[in-house]
C-alpha atoms as a PDB file:
ATOM      1  CA  MET A   1       0.000   0.000   0.000  1.00  0.00           C
ATOM      2  CA  LYS A   2       1.185   3.507  -0.824  1.00  0.00           C
ATOM      3  CA  TYR A   3      -0.210   6.877   0.263  1.00  0.00           C
ATOM      4  CA  VAL A   4      -0.832   9.715  -2.176  1.00  0.00           C
ATOM      5  CA  LEU A   5      -0.726  13.277  -0.912  1.00  0.00           C
ATOM      6  CA  THR A   6      -2.243  15.908  -3.181  1.00  0.00           C
ATOM      7  CA  TYR A   7      -2.015  19.658  -2.782  1.00  0.00           C
ATOM      8  CA  GLU A   8      -4.145  22.384  -4.293  1.00  0.00           C
ATOM      9  CA  GLY A   9      -2.462  25.769  -4.429  1.00  0.00           C
ATOM     10  CA  THR A  10      -3.896  29.117  -3.397  1.00  0.00           C
ATOM     11  CA  ALA A  11      -4.670  31.797  -5.987  1.00  0.00           C
ATOM     12  CA  ASP A  12      -1.346  33.512  -5.156  1.00  0.00           C
ATOM     13  CA  TYR A  13       0.669  30.299  -4.849  1.00  0.00           C
ATOM     14  CA  ARG A  14       3.335  31.383  -7.368  1.00  0.00           C
ATOM     15  CA  GLU A  15       4.572  34.292  -5.274  1.00  0.00           C
ATOM     16  CA  LYS A  16       4.427  32.332  -2.027  1.00  0.00           C
ATOM     17  CA  ALA A  17       6.003  29.228  -3.550  1.00  0.00           C
ATOM     18  CA  LEU A  18       9.086  31.138  -4.687  1.00  0.00           C
ATOM     19  CA  ALA A  19       9.733  32.413  -1.178  1.00  0.00           C
ATOM     20  CA  ASN A  20       9.370  28.912   0.336  1.00  0.00           C
ATOM     21  CA  PHE A  21      10.736  26.660  -2.393  1.00  0.00           C
ATOM     22  CA  ALA A  22      14.250  26.085  -0.998  1.00  0.00           C
ATOM     23  CA  ALA A  23      12.905  24.836   2.343  1.00  0.00           C
ATOM     24  CA  HIS A  24      10.186  22.767   0.624  1.00  0.00           C
ATOM     25  CA  ARG A  25      12.766  21.168  -1.668  1.00  0.00           C
ATOM     26  CA  ALA A  26      15.102  20.386   1.247  1.00  0.00           C
ATOM     27  CA  LEU A  27      12.193  18.664   2.992  1.00  0.00           C
ATOM     28  CA  TRP A  28      11.306  16.427   0.070  1.00  0.00           C
ATOM     29  CA  HIS A  29      14.964  15.543  -0.449  1.00  0.00           C
ATOM     30  CA  ALA A  30      15.212  14.428   3.202  1.00  0.00           C
ATOM     31  CA  TYR A  31      12.055  12.317   2.902  1.00  0.00           C
ATOM     32  CA  HIS A  32      13.215  10.792  -0.387  1.00  0.00           C
ATOM     33  CA  ASP A  33      16.719  10.061   0.919  1.00  0.00           C
ATOM     34  CA  ASP A  34      15.362   7.903   3.737  1.00  0.00           C
ATOM     35  CA  GLY A  35      12.735   6.137   1.606  1.00  0.00           C
ATOM     36  CA  ARG A  36       9.568   7.763   2.959  1.00  0.00           C
ATOM     37  CA  LEU A  37       8.881   9.735  -0.239  1.00  0.00           C
ATOM     38  CA  LEU A  38       8.825   7.726  -3.471  1.00  0.00           C
ATOM     39  CA  LEU A  39       7.655  10.280  -6.058  1.00  0.00           C
ATOM     40  CA  ILE A  40       6.796  13.976  -6.032  1.00  0.00           C
ATOM     41  CA  GLY A  41       5.961  16.644  -8.555  1.00  0.00           C
ATOM     42  CA  PRO A  42       3.652  19.464  -9.594  1.00  0.00           C
ATOM     43  CA  PHE A  43       0.602  19.256 -11.815  1.00  0.00           C
ATOM     44  CA  THR A  44       0.943  21.457 -14.874  1.00  0.00           C
ATOM     45  CA  ASP A  45      -2.655  21.570 -16.100  1.00  0.00           C
ATOM     46  CA  GLU A  46      -4.378  23.304 -13.174  1.00  0.00           C
ATOM     47  CA  PRO A  47      -4.973  27.048 -12.899  1.00  0.00           C
ATOM     48  CA  PHE A  48      -4.035  27.185  -9.191  1.00  0.00           C
ATOM     49  CA  GLY A  49      -1.129  24.815  -9.210  1.00  0.00           C
ATOM     50  CA  GLY A  50      -1.140  21.650  -7.252  1.00  0.00           C
ATOM     51  CA  ALA A  51       1.125  18.725  -6.705  1.00  0.00           C
ATOM     52  CA  MET A  52       1.238  15.065  -5.787  1.00  0.00           C
ATOM     53  CA  GLY A  53       3.575  12.977  -3.679  1.00  0.00           C
ATOM     54  CA  VAL A  54       3.608   9.224  -3.148  1.00  0.00           C
ATOM     55  CA  PHE A  55       4.699   8.071   0.306  1.00  0.00           C
ATOM     56  CA  SER A  56       5.611   4.699   1.737  1.00  0.00           C
ATOM     57  CA  THR A  57       3.366   5.139   4.819  1.00  0.00           C
ATOM     58  CA  ARG A  58       0.423   7.253   5.899  1.00  0.00           C
ATOM     59  CA  ALA A  59       2.450   8.469   8.876  1.00  0.00           C
ATOM     60  CA  ALA A  60       5.140   9.777   6.510  1.00  0.00           C
ATOM     61  CA  ALA A  61       2.582  11.644   4.403  1.00  0.00           C
ATOM     62  CA  GLU A  62       0.958  13.146   7.500  1.00  0.00           C
ATOM     63  CA  GLN A  63       4.311  14.216   8.943  1.00  0.00           C
ATOM     64  CA  PHE A  64       5.326  15.753   5.619  1.00  0.00           C
ATOM     65  CA  VAL A  65       2.210  17.946   5.714  1.00  0.00           C
ATOM     66  CA  ARG A  66       3.025  19.039   9.277  1.00  0.00           C
ATOM     67  CA  ASP A  67       6.643  19.854   8.301  1.00  0.00           C
ATOM     68  CA  ASP A  68       6.067  21.446   4.900  1.00  0.00           C
ATOM     69  CA  PRO A  69       6.659  25.217   4.652  1.00  0.00           C
ATOM     70  CA  PHE A  70       4.260  25.246   1.691  1.00  0.00           C
ATOM     71  CA  VAL A  71       1.452  24.283   4.093  1.00  0.00           C
ATOM     72  CA  ALA A  72       2.638  26.464   6.973  1.00  0.00           C
ATOM     73  CA  ASN A  73       3.067  29.561   4.801  1.00  0.00           C
ATOM     74  CA  GLY A  74      -0.128  29.493   2.758  1.00  0.00           C
ATOM     75  CA  VAL A  75       1.064  28.079  -0.560  1.00  0.00           C
ATOM     76  CA  VAL A  76      -1.385  25.179  -0.143  1.00  0.00           C
ATOM     77  CA  ALA A  77      -5.129  25.839  -0.006  1.00  0.00           C
ATOM     78  CA  ARG A  78      -6.163  22.199   0.552  1.00  0.00           C
ATOM     79  CA  TRP A  79      -4.510  18.825   0.846  1.00  0.00           C
ATOM     80  CA  THR A  80      -5.673  15.208   0.922  1.00  0.00           C
ATOM     81  CA  ILE A  81      -4.078  11.854   1.657  1.00  0.00           C
ATOM     82  CA  ARG A  82      -5.479   8.750  -0.015  1.00  0.00           C
ATOM     83  CA  GLU A  83      -4.550   5.081   0.162  1.00  0.00           C
ATOM     84  CA  TRP A  84      -3.324   3.762  -3.148  1.00  0.00           C
ATOM     85  CA  ASN A  85      -2.924   0.121  -4.044  1.00  0.00           C
ATOM     86  CA  GLU A  86      -0.128   0.032  -6.594  1.00  0.00           C
ATOM     87  CA  VAL A  87      -0.694  -2.955  -8.876  1.00  0.00           C
ATOM     88  CA  LEU A  88       1.945  -2.515 -11.554  1.00  0.00           C
ATOM     89  CA  VAL A  89       5.359  -2.816  -9.951  1.00  0.00           C
ATOM     90  CA  PRO A  90       8.763  -3.396 -11.563  1.00  0.00           C
ATOM     91  CA  ASP A  91      10.175  -6.909 -11.566  1.00  0.00           C
ATOM     92  CA  ARG A  92      12.311  -7.511  -8.543  1.00  0.00           C
END
Protein backbone atom coordinates (compact mmCIF):
# COMPACT_ATOMS: atom_id res chain seq x y z
CA MET A 1 0.00 0.00 0.00
CA LYS A 2 1.18 3.51 -0.82
CA TYR A 3 -0.21 6.88 0.26
CA VAL A 4 -0.83 9.72 -2.18
CA LEU A 5 -0.73 13.28 -0.91
CA THR A 6 -2.24 15.91 -3.18
CA TYR A 7 -2.01 19.66 -2.78
CA GLU A 8 -4.15 22.38 -4.29
CA GLY A 9 -2.46 25.77 -4.43
CA THR A 10 -3.90 29.12 -3.40
CA ALA A 11 -4.67 31.80 -5.99
CA ASP A 12 -1.35 33.51 -5.16
CA TYR A 13 0.67 30.30 -4.85
CA ARG A 14 3.33 31.38 -7.37
CA GLU A 15 4.57 34.29 -5.27
CA LYS A 16 4.43 32.33 -2.03
CA ALA A 17 6.00 29.23 -3.55
CA LEU A 18 9.09 31.14 -4.69
CA ALA A 19 9.73 32.41 -1.18
CA ASN A 20 9.37 28.91 0.34
CA PHE A 21 10.74 26.66 -2.39
CA ALA A 22 14.25 26.08 -1.00
CA ALA A 23 12.90 24.84 2.34
CA HIS A 24 10.19 22.77 0.62
CA ARG A 25 12.77 21.17 -1.67
CA ALA A 26 15.10 20.39 1.25
CA LEU A 27 12.19 18.66 2.99
CA TRP A 28 11.31 16.43 0.07
CA HIS A 29 14.96 15.54 -0.45
CA ALA A 30 15.21 14.43 3.20
CA TYR A 31 12.05 12.32 2.90
CA HIS A 32 13.22 10.79 -0.39
CA ASP A 33 16.72 10.06 0.92
CA ASP A 34 15.36 7.90 3.74
CA GLY A 35 12.74 6.14 1.61
CA ARG A 36 9.57 7.76 2.96
CA LEU A 37 8.88 9.74 -0.24
CA LEU A 38 8.82 7.73 -3.47
CA LEU A 39 7.66 10.28 -6.06
CA ILE A 40 6.80 13.98 -6.03
CA GLY A 41 5.96 16.64 -8.55
CA PRO A 42 3.65 19.46 -9.59
CA PHE A 43 0.60 19.26 -11.81
CA THR A 44 0.94 21.46 -14.87
CA ASP A 45 -2.66 21.57 -16.10
CA GLU A 46 -4.38 23.30 -13.17
CA PRO A 47 -4.97 27.05 -12.90
CA PHE A 48 -4.04 27.19 -9.19
CA GLY A 49 -1.13 24.81 -9.21
CA GLY A 50 -1.14 21.65 -7.25
CA ALA A 51 1.13 18.72 -6.70
CA MET A 52 1.24 15.06 -5.79
CA GLY A 53 3.58 12.98 -3.68
CA VAL A 54 3.61 9.22 -3.15
CA PHE A 55 4.70 8.07 0.31
CA SER A 56 5.61 4.70 1.74
CA THR A 57 3.37 5.14 4.82
CA ARG A 58 0.42 7.25 5.90
CA ALA A 59 2.45 8.47 8.88
CA ALA A 60 5.14 9.78 6.51
CA ALA A 61 2.58 11.64 4.40
CA GLU A 62 0.96 13.15 7.50
CA GLN A 63 4.31 14.22 8.94
CA PHE A 64 5.33 15.75 5.62
CA VAL A 65 2.21 17.95 5.71
CA ARG A 66 3.03 19.04 9.28
CA ASP A 67 6.64 19.85 8.30
CA ASP A 68 6.07 21.45 4.90
CA PRO A 69 6.66 25.22 4.65
CA PHE A 70 4.26 25.25 1.69
CA VAL A 71 1.45 24.28 4.09
CA ALA A 72 2.64 26.46 6.97
CA ASN A 73 3.07 29.56 4.80
CA GLY A 74 -0.13 29.49 2.76
CA VAL A 75 1.06 28.08 -0.56
CA VAL A 76 -1.39 25.18 -0.14
CA ALA A 77 -5.13 25.84 -0.01
CA ARG A 78 -6.16 22.20 0.55
CA TRP A 79 -4.51 18.82 0.85
CA THR A 80 -5.67 15.21 0.92
CA ILE A 81 -4.08 11.85 1.66
CA ARG A 82 -5.48 8.75 -0.02
CA GLU A 83 -4.55 5.08 0.16
CA TRP A 84 -3.32 3.76 -3.15
CA ASN A 85 -2.92 0.12 -4.04
CA GLU A 86 -0.13 0.03 -6.59
CA VAL A 87 -0.69 -2.96 -8.88
CA LEU A 88 1.94 -2.52 -11.55
CA VAL A 89 5.36 -2.82 -9.95
CA PRO A 90 8.76 -3.40 -11.56
CA ASP A 91 10.17 -6.91 -11.57
CA ARG A 92 12.31 -7.51 -8.54
